[in-house]
Amino acid sequence: RQPDHFIANSRAVAARISRAYGRHAEVIH
């Protein structure tokens, strides 16, 4: 909950962030 924004290194990790934390992540490889 600390970050204002998440960036994920891949779509696979963005989906994992969503499942684990319920947070949206921008994908930037």
Full PDB file with SEQRES, HELIX, SHEET, SSBOND, CRYST1, ORIGX, SCALE, CONECT and MASTER records, all heavy atoms in Angstrom:
SEQRES   1 A   29  ARG GLN PRO ASP HIS PHE ILE ALA ASN SER ARG ALA VAL          
SEQRES   2 A   29  ALA ALA ARG ILE SER ARG ALA TYR GLY ARG HIS ALA GLU          
SEQRES   3 A   29  VAL ILE HIS                                                  
HELIX    1 AA1 ARG A   11  TYR A   21  1                                  11    
SHEET    1 AA1 2 PHE A   6  ALA A   8  0                                        
SHEET    2 AA1 2 ALA A  25  VAL A  27  1                                        
CRYST1    1.000    1.000    1.000  90.00  90.00  90.00 P 1           1          
ORIGX1      1.000000  0.000000  0.000000        0.00000                         
ORIGX2      0.000000  1.000000  0.000000        0.00000                         
ORIGX3      0.000000  0.000000  1.000000        0.00000                         
SCALE1      1.000000  0.000000  0.000000        0.00000                         
SCALE2      0.000000  1.000000  0.000000        0.00000                         
SCALE3      0.000000  0.000000  1.000000        0.00000                         
ATOM      1  N   ARG A   1       0.824  -1.217   0.000  1.00  0.00           N  
ATOM      2  CA  ARG A   1       0.000   0.000   0.000  1.00  0.00           C  
ATOM      3  C   ARG A   1       0.858   1.267   0.000  1.00  0.00           C  
ATOM      4  O   ARG A   1       0.342   2.364  -0.187  1.00  0.00           O  
ATOM      5  CB  ARG A   1      -0.923   0.023   1.232  1.00  0.00           C  
ATOM      6  CG  ARG A   1      -1.841  -1.186   1.348  1.00  0.00           C  
ATOM      7  CD  ARG A   1      -2.695  -1.352   0.120  1.00  0.00           C  
ATOM      8  NE  ARG A   1      -3.478  -2.584   0.166  1.00  0.00           N  
ATOM      9  CZ  ARG A   1      -3.899  -3.241  -0.908  1.00  0.00           C  
ATOM     10  NH1 ARG A   1      -3.572  -2.775  -2.109  1.00  0.00           N  
ATOM     11  NH2 ARG A   1      -4.610  -4.341  -0.795  1.00  0.00           N  
ATOM     12  N   GLN A   2       2.152   1.118   0.226  1.00  0.00           N  
ATOM     13  CA  GLN A   2       3.017   2.294   0.315  1.00  0.00           C  
ATOM     14  C   GLN A   2       3.218   3.001  -1.031  1.00  0.00           C  
ATOM     15  O   GLN A   2       3.138   4.220  -1.092  1.00  0.00           O  
ATOM     16  CB  GLN A   2       4.377   1.896   0.903  1.00  0.00           C  
ATOM     17  CG  GLN A   2       4.329   1.499   2.363  1.00  0.00           C  
ATOM     18  CD  GLN A   2       4.037   2.694   3.256  1.00  0.00           C  
ATOM     19  OE1 GLN A   2       2.921   2.896   3.728  1.00  0.00           O  
ATOM     20  NE2 GLN A   2       5.058   3.503   3.486  1.00  0.00           N  
ATOM     21  N   PRO A   3       3.502   2.295  -2.123  1.00  0.00           N  
ATOM     22  CA  PRO A   3       3.727   3.007  -3.387  1.00  0.00           C  
ATOM     23  C   PRO A   3       2.451   3.665  -3.901  1.00  0.00           C  
ATOM     24  O   PRO A   3       1.345   3.127  -3.756  1.00  0.00           O  
ATOM     25  CB  PRO A   3       4.187   1.896  -4.342  1.00  0.00           C  
ATOM     26  CG  PRO A   3       4.682   0.797  -3.456  1.00  0.00           C  
ATOM     27  CD  PRO A   3       3.803   0.854  -2.244  1.00  0.00           C  
ATOM     28  N   ASP A   4       2.625   4.814  -4.522  1.00  0.00           N  
ATOM     29  CA  ASP A   4       1.509   5.460  -5.211  1.00  0.00           C  
ATOM     30  C   ASP A   4       1.236   4.790  -6.545  1.00  0.00           C  
ATOM     31  O   ASP A   4       0.095   4.767  -7.013  1.00  0.00           O  
ATOM     32  CB  ASP A   4       1.833   6.939  -5.433  1.00  0.00           C  
ATOM     33  CG  ASP A   4       2.023   7.683  -4.130  1.00  0.00           C  
ATOM     34  OD1 ASP A   4       1.036   7.881  -3.408  1.00  0.00           O  
ATOM     35  OD2 ASP A   4       3.180   8.036  -3.820  1.00  0.00           O  
ATOM     36  N   HIS A   5       2.297   4.254  -7.160  1.00  0.00           N  
ATOM     37  CA  HIS A   5       2.159   3.630  -8.475  1.00  0.00           C  
ATOM     38  C   HIS A   5       3.092   2.423  -8.553  1.00  0.00           C  
ATOM     39  O   HIS A   5       4.184   2.436  -7.974  1.00  0.00           O  
ATOM     40  CB  HIS A   5       2.512   4.605  -9.604  1.00  0.00           C  
ATOM     41  CG  HIS A   5       1.689   5.851  -9.615  1.00  0.00           C  
ATOM     42  ND1 HIS A   5       0.459   5.934 -10.227  1.00  0.00           N  
ATOM     43  CD2 HIS A   5       1.918   7.077  -9.065  1.00  0.00           C  
ATOM     44  CE1 HIS A   5      -0.032   7.149 -10.073  1.00  0.00           C  
ATOM     45  NE2 HIS A   5       0.830   7.863  -9.370  1.00  0.00           N  
ATOM     46  N   PHE A   6       2.659   1.395  -9.282  1.00  0.00           N  
ATOM     47  CA  PHE A   6       3.490   0.231  -9.568  1.00  0.00           C  
ATOM     48  C   PHE A   6       3.840   0.207 -11.053  1.00  0.00           C  
ATOM     49  O   PHE A   6       3.010   0.521 -11.915  1.00  0.00           O  
ATOM     50  CB  PHE A   6       2.750  -1.069  -9.233  1.00  0.00           C  
ATOM     51  CG  PHE A   6       2.900  -1.525  -7.817  1.00  0.00           C  
ATOM     52  CD1 PHE A   6       1.966  -1.150  -6.860  1.00  0.00           C  
ATOM     53  CD2 PHE A   6       3.965  -2.328  -7.429  1.00  0.00           C  
ATOM     54  CE1 PHE A   6       2.084  -1.578  -5.545  1.00  0.00           C  
ATOM     55  CE2 PHE A   6       4.102  -2.747  -6.124  1.00  0.00           C  
ATOM     56  CZ  PHE A   6       3.154  -2.379  -5.173  1.00  0.00           C  
ATOM     57  N   ILE A   7       5.074  -0.192 -11.326  1.00  0.00           N  
ATOM     58  CA  ILE A   7       5.503  -0.560 -12.671  1.00  0.00           C  
ATOM     59  C   ILE A   7       5.924  -2.025 -12.607  1.00  0.00           C  
ATOM     60  O   ILE A   7       6.631  -2.428 -11.675  1.00  0.00           O  
ATOM     61  CB  ILE A   7       6.688   0.299 -13.149  1.00  0.00           C  
ATOM     62  CG1 ILE A   7       6.291   1.771 -13.241  1.00  0.00           C  
ATOM     63  CG2 ILE A   7       7.202  -0.184 -14.509  1.00  0.00           C  
ATOM     64  CD1 ILE A   7       7.460   2.703 -13.530  1.00  0.00           C  
ATOM     65  N   ALA A   8       5.508  -2.826 -13.568  1.00  0.00           N  
ATOM     66  CA  ALA A   8       5.902  -4.234 -13.641  1.00  0.00           C  
ATOM     67  C   ALA A   8       6.838  -4.441 -14.814  1.00  0.00           C  
ATOM     68  O   ALA A   8       6.752  -3.735 -15.831  1.00  0.00           O  
ATOM     69  CB  ALA A   8       4.676  -5.135 -13.790  1.00  0.00           C  
ATOM     70  N   ASN A   9       7.726  -5.424 -14.696  1.00  0.00           N  
ATOM     71  CA  ASN A   9       8.686  -5.676 -15.773  1.00  0.00           C  
ATOM     72  C   ASN A   9       8.122  -6.534 -16.895  1.00  0.00           C  
ATOM     73  O   ASN A   9       8.774  -6.707 -17.924  1.00  0.00           O  
ATOM     74  CB  ASN A   9       9.972  -6.298 -15.219  1.00  0.00           C  
ATOM     75  CG  ASN A   9       9.756  -7.645 -14.574  1.00  0.00           C  
ATOM     76  OD1 ASN A   9       8.633  -8.160 -14.529  1.00  0.00           O  
ATOM     77  ND2 ASN A   9      10.822  -8.221 -14.043  1.00  0.00           N  
ATOM     78  N   SER A  10       6.909  -7.066 -16.719  1.00  0.00           N  
ATOM     79  CA  SER A  10       6.280  -7.872 -17.758  1.00  0.00           C  
ATOM     80  C   SER A  10       4.787  -7.977 -17.473  1.00  0.00           C  
ATOM     81  O   SER A  10       4.331  -7.684 -16.359  1.00  0.00           O  
ATOM     82  CB  SER A  10       6.890  -9.288 -17.807  1.00  0.00           C  
ATOM     83  OG  SER A  10       6.562 -10.008 -16.624  1.00  0.00           O  
ATOM     84  N   ARG A  11       4.034  -8.416 -18.465  1.00  0.00           N  
ATOM     85  CA  ARG A  11       2.598  -8.616 -18.252  1.00  0.00           C  
ATOM     86  C   ARG A  11       2.351  -9.732 -17.243  1.00  0.00           C  
ATOM     87  O   ARG A  11       1.390  -9.678 -16.474  1.00  0.00           O  
ATOM     88  CB  ARG A  11       1.917  -8.927 -19.586  1.00  0.00           C  
ATOM     89  CG  ARG A  11       1.916  -7.759 -20.563  1.00  0.00           C  
ATOM     90  CD  ARG A  11       1.000  -8.006 -21.749  1.00  0.00           C  
ATOM     91  NE  ARG A  11       1.431  -9.125 -22.566  1.00  0.00           N  
ATOM     92  CZ  ARG A  11       2.278  -9.041 -23.579  1.00  0.00           C  
ATOM     93  NH1 ARG A  11       2.825  -7.864 -23.887  1.00  0.00           N  
ATOM     94  NH2 ARG A  11       2.597 -10.102 -24.295  1.00  0.00           N  
ATOM     95  N   ALA A  12       3.220 -10.735 -17.253  1.00  0.00           N  
ATOM     96  CA  ALA A  12       3.071 -11.836 -16.296  1.00  0.00           C  
ATOM     97  C   ALA A  12       3.203 -11.322 -14.870  1.00  0.00           C  
ATOM     98  O   ALA A  12       2.446 -11.718 -13.973  1.00  0.00           O  
ATOM     99  CB  ALA A  12       4.123 -12.915 -16.577  1.00  0.00           C  
ATOM    100  N   VAL A  13       4.156 -10.426 -14.622  1.00  0.00           N  
ATOM    101  CA  VAL A  13       4.339  -9.872 -13.278  1.00  0.00           C  
ATOM    102  C   VAL A  13       3.217  -8.906 -12.937  1.00  0.00           C  
ATOM    103  O   VAL A  13       2.755  -8.857 -11.788  1.00  0.00           O  
ATOM    104  CB  VAL A  13       5.723  -9.208 -13.158  1.00  0.00           C  
ATOM    105  CG1 VAL A  13       5.824  -8.369 -11.888  1.00  0.00           C  
ATOM    106  CG2 VAL A  13       6.801 -10.281 -13.157  1.00  0.00           C  
ATOM    107  N   ALA A  14       2.737  -8.136 -13.914  1.00  0.00           N  
ATOM    108  CA  ALA A  14       1.605  -7.247 -13.657  1.00  0.00           C  
ATOM    109  C   ALA A  14       0.388  -8.041 -13.191  1.00  0.00           C  
ATOM    110  O   ALA A  14      -0.323  -7.621 -12.259  1.00  0.00           O  
ATOM    111  CB  ALA A  14       1.273  -6.448 -14.913  1.00  0.00           C  
ATOM    112  N   ALA A  15       0.141  -9.199 -13.811  1.00  0.00           N  
ATOM    113  CA  ALA A  15      -0.974 -10.048 -13.386  1.00  0.00           C  
ATOM    114  C   ALA A  15      -0.739 -10.580 -11.979  1.00  0.00           C  
ATOM    115  O   ALA A  15      -1.674 -10.680 -11.168  1.00  0.00           O  
ATOM    116  CB  ALA A  15      -1.160 -11.206 -14.369  1.00  0.00           C  
ATOM    117  N   ARG A  16       0.510 -10.900 -11.655  1.00  0.00           N  
ATOM    118  CA  ARG A  16       0.846 -11.393 -10.315  1.00  0.00           C  
ATOM    119  C   ARG A  16       0.645 -10.303  -9.260  1.00  0.00           C  
ATOM    120  O   ARG A  16       0.160 -10.559  -8.161  1.00  0.00           O  
ATOM    121  CB  ARG A  16       2.296 -11.879 -10.323  1.00  0.00           C  
ATOM    122  CG  ARG A  16       2.590 -12.997  -9.340  1.00  0.00           C  
ATOM    123  CD  ARG A  16       4.006 -13.492  -9.526  1.00  0.00           C  
ATOM    124  NE  ARG A  16       4.219 -14.041 -10.847  1.00  0.00           N  
ATOM    125  CZ  ARG A  16       5.412 -14.187 -11.419  1.00  0.00           C  
ATOM    126  NH1 ARG A  16       6.494 -13.790 -10.779  1.00  0.00           N  
ATOM    127  NH2 ARG A  16       5.530 -14.710 -12.610  1.00  0.00           N  
ATOM    128  N   ILE A  17       1.017  -9.061  -9.599  1.00  0.00           N  
ATOM    129  CA  ILE A  17       0.802  -7.927  -8.699  1.00  0.00           C  
ATOM    130  C   ILE A  17      -0.687  -7.730  -8.444  1.00  0.00           C  
ATOM    131  O   ILE A  17      -1.126  -7.473  -7.313  1.00  0.00           O  
ATOM    132  CB  ILE A  17       1.434  -6.656  -9.290  1.00  0.00           C  
ATOM    133  CG1 ILE A  17       2.963  -6.764  -9.271  1.00  0.00           C  
ATOM    134  CG2 ILE A  17       0.976  -5.405  -8.538  1.00  0.00           C  
ATOM    135  CD1 ILE A  17       3.664  -5.685 -10.065  1.00  0.00           C  
ATOM    136  N   SER A  18      -1.478  -7.868  -9.483  1.00  0.00           N  
ATOM    137  CA  SER A  18      -2.923  -7.719  -9.344  1.00  0.00           C  
ATOM    138  C   SER A  18      -3.502  -8.795  -8.424  1.00  0.00           C  
ATOM    139  O   SER A  18      -4.331  -8.501  -7.554  1.00  0.00           O  
ATOM    140  CB  SER A  18      -3.583  -7.778 -10.728  1.00  0.00           C  
ATOM    141  OG  SER A  18      -4.985  -7.677 -10.618  1.00  0.00           O  
ATOM    142  N   ARG A  19      -3.042 -10.043  -8.606  1.00  0.00           N  
ATOM    143  CA  ARG A  19      -3.559 -11.136  -7.766  1.00  0.00           C  
ATOM    144  C   ARG A  19      -3.120 -10.986  -6.313  1.00  0.00           C  
ATOM    145  O   ARG A  19      -3.911 -11.204  -5.392  1.00  0.00           O  
ATOM    146  CB  ARG A  19      -3.084 -12.488  -8.311  1.00  0.00           C  
ATOM    147  CG  ARG A  19      -3.721 -12.896  -9.626  1.00  0.00           C  
ATOM    148  CD  ARG A  19      -3.455 -14.364  -9.932  1.00  0.00           C  
ATOM    149  NE  ARG A  19      -2.048 -14.676 -10.008  1.00  0.00           N  
ATOM    150  CZ  ARG A  19      -1.317 -14.614 -11.124  1.00  0.00           C  
ATOM    151  NH1 ARG A  19      -1.899 -14.238 -12.264  1.00  0.00           N  
ATOM    152  NH2 ARG A  19      -0.031 -14.919 -11.132  1.00  0.00           N  
ATOM    153  N   ALA A  20      -1.853 -10.643  -6.098  1.00  0.00           N  
ATOM    154  CA  ALA A  20      -1.313 -10.603  -4.741  1.00  0.00           C  
ATOM    155  C   ALA A  20      -1.752  -9.358  -3.979  1.00  0.00           C  
ATOM    156  O   ALA A  20      -2.120  -9.429  -2.803  1.00  0.00           O  
ATOM    157  CB  ALA A  20       0.211 -10.677  -4.784  1.00  0.00           C  
ATOM    158  N   TYR A  21      -1.696  -8.197  -4.646  1.00  0.00           N  
ATOM    159  CA  TYR A  21      -1.870  -6.926  -3.961  1.00  0.00           C  
ATOM    160  C   TYR A  21      -3.152  -6.188  -4.329  1.00  0.00           C  
ATOM    161  O   TYR A  21      -3.488  -5.191  -3.684  1.00  0.00           O  
ATOM    162  CB  TYR A  21      -0.691  -5.987  -4.263  1.00  0.00           C  
ATOM    163  CG  TYR A  21       0.666  -6.548  -3.922  1.00  0.00           C  
ATOM    164  CD1 TYR A  21       1.776  -6.308  -4.749  1.00  0.00           C  
ATOM    165  CD2 TYR A  21       0.875  -7.306  -2.759  1.00  0.00           C  
ATOM    166  CE1 TYR A  21       3.027  -6.788  -4.422  1.00  0.00           C  
ATOM    167  CE2 TYR A  21       2.133  -7.798  -2.443  1.00  0.00           C  
ATOM    168  CZ  TYR A  21       3.204  -7.537  -3.283  1.00  0.00           C  
ATOM    169  OH  TYR A  21       4.449  -8.026  -2.970  1.00  0.00           O  
ATOM    170  N   GLY A  22      -3.814  -6.636  -5.401  1.00  0.00           N  
ATOM    171  CA  GLY A  22      -4.976  -5.897  -5.860  1.00  0.00           C  
ATOM    172  C   GLY A  22      -4.623  -4.536  -6.419  1.00  0.00           C  
ATOM    173  O   GLY A  22      -5.428  -3.609  -6.384  1.00  0.00           O  
ATOM    174  N   ARG A  23      -3.421  -4.388  -6.988  1.00  0.00           N  
ATOM    175  CA  ARG A  23      -2.956  -3.109  -7.518  1.00  0.00           C  
ATOM    176  C   ARG A  23      -2.732  -3.230  -9.018  1.00  0.00           C  
ATOM    177  O   ARG A  23      -2.277  -4.266  -9.519  1.00  0.00           O  
ATOM    178  CB  ARG A  23      -1.639  -2.692  -6.852  1.00  0.00           C  
ATOM    179  CG  ARG A  23      -1.685  -2.508  -5.340  1.00  0.00           C  
ATOM    180  CD  ARG A  23      -2.468  -1.265  -4.944  1.00  0.00           C  
ATOM    181  NE  ARG A  23      -1.969  -0.045  -5.568  1.00  0.00           N  
ATOM    182  CZ  ARG A  23      -0.998   0.721  -5.057  1.00  0.00           C  
ATOM    183  NH1 ARG A  23      -0.409   0.373  -3.908  1.00  0.00           N  
ATOM    184  NH2 ARG A  23      -0.623   1.819  -5.663  1.00  0.00           N  
ATOM    185  N   HIS A  24      -3.004  -2.141  -9.717  1.00  0.00           N  
ATOM    186  CA  HIS A  24      -2.690  -2.071 -11.149  1.00  0.00           C  
ATOM    187  C   HIS A  24      -1.222  -1.726 -11.322  1.00  0.00           C  
ATOM    188  O   HIS A  24      -0.658  -0.947 -10.541  1.00  0.00           O  
ATOM    189  CB  HIS A  24      -3.546  -1.012 -11.828  1.00  0.00           C  
ATOM    190  CG  HIS A  24      -3.082  -0.676 -13.218  1.00  0.00           C  
ATOM    191  ND1 HIS A  24      -3.293  -1.521 -14.305  1.00  0.00           N  
ATOM    192  CD2 HIS A  24      -2.382   0.407 -13.696  1.00  0.00           C  
ATOM    193  CE1 HIS A  24      -2.770  -0.967 -15.380  1.00  0.00           C  
ATOM    194  NE2 HIS A  24      -2.218   0.191 -15.050  1.00  0.00           N  
ATOM    195  N   ALA A  25      -0.586  -2.279 -12.341  1.00  0.00           N  
ATOM    196  CA  ALA A  25       0.816  -1.976 -12.638  1.00  0.00           C  
ATOM    197  C   ALA A  25       0.974  -1.653 -14.120  1.00  0.00           C  
ATOM    198  O   ALA A  25       0.488  -2.388 -14.982  1.00  0.00           O  
ATOM    199  CB  ALA A  25       1.718  -3.140 -12.256  1.00  0.00           C  
ATOM    200  N   GLU A  26       1.643  -0.549 -14.398  1.00  0.00           N  
ATOM    201  CA  GLU A  26       2.072  -0.220 -15.766  1.00  0.00           C  
ATOM    202  C   GLU A  26       3.190  -1.186 -16.153  1.00  0.00           C  
ATOM    203  O   GLU A  26       4.059  -1.505 -15.335  1.00  0.00           O  
ATOM    204  CB  GLU A  26       2.593   1.212 -15.800  1.00  0.00           C  
ATOM    205  CG  GLU A  26       2.962   1.728 -17.166  1.00  0.00           C  
ATOM    206  CD  GLU A  26       1.780   2.337 -17.892  1.00  0.00           C  
ATOM    207  OE1 GLU A  26       0.671   2.351 -17.326  1.00  0.00           O  
ATOM    208  OE2 GLU A  26       1.979   2.804 -19.025  1.00  0.00           O  
ATOM    209  N   VAL A  27       3.191  -1.661 -17.390  1.00  0.00           N  
ATOM    210  CA  VAL A  27       4.247  -2.568 -17.847  1.00  0.00           C  
ATOM    211  C   VAL A  27       5.299  -1.783 -18.617  1.00  0.00           C  
ATOM    212  O   VAL A  27       4.994  -1.153 -19.633  1.00  0.00           O  
ATOM    213  CB  VAL A  27       3.677  -3.701 -18.715  1.00  0.00           C  
ATOM    214  CG1 VAL A  27       4.815  -4.578 -19.267  1.00  0.00           C  
ATOM    215  CG2 VAL A  27       2.700  -4.554 -17.929  1.00  0.00           C  
ATOM    216  N   ILE A  28       6.526  -1.792 -18.104  1.00  0.00           N  
ATOM    217  CA  ILE A  28       7.676  -1.220 -18.808  1.00  0.00           C  
ATOM    218  C   ILE A  28       8.785  -2.261 -18.755  1.00  0.00           C  
ATOM    219  O   ILE A  28       9.314  -2.559 -17.677  1.00  0.00           O  
ATOM    220  CB  ILE A  28       8.146   0.104 -18.167  1.00  0.00           C  
ATOM    221  CG1 ILE A  28       7.021   1.144 -18.194  1.00  0.00           C  
ATOM    222  CG2 ILE A  28       9.382   0.639 -18.894  1.00  0.00           C  
ATOM    223  CD1 ILE A  28       7.382   2.468 -17.534  1.00  0.00           C  
ATOM    224  N   HIS A  29       9.114  -2.825 -19.883  1.00  0.00           N  
ATOM    225  CA  HIS A  29      10.107  -3.901 -19.921  1.00  0.00           C  
ATOM    226  C   HIS A  29      11.490  -3.387 -19.522  1.00  0.00           C  
ATOM    227  O   HIS A  29      11.818  -2.232 -19.784  1.00  0.00           O  
ATOM    228  CB  HIS A  29      10.168  -4.522 -21.316  1.00  0.00           C  
ATOM    229  CG  HIS A  29       8.909  -5.238 -21.695  1.00  0.00           C  
ATOM    230  ND1 HIS A  29       8.193  -4.928 -22.825  1.00  0.00           N  
ATOM    231  CD2 HIS A  29       8.233  -6.249 -21.092  1.00  0.00           C  
ATOM    232  CE1 HIS A  29       7.137  -5.720 -22.915  1.00  0.00           C  
ATOM    233  NE2 HIS A  29       7.136  -6.527 -21.872  1.00  0.00           N  
TER     234      HIS A  29                                                      
MASTER        0    0    0    1    2    0    0    6  233    1    0    3          
END                                                                             
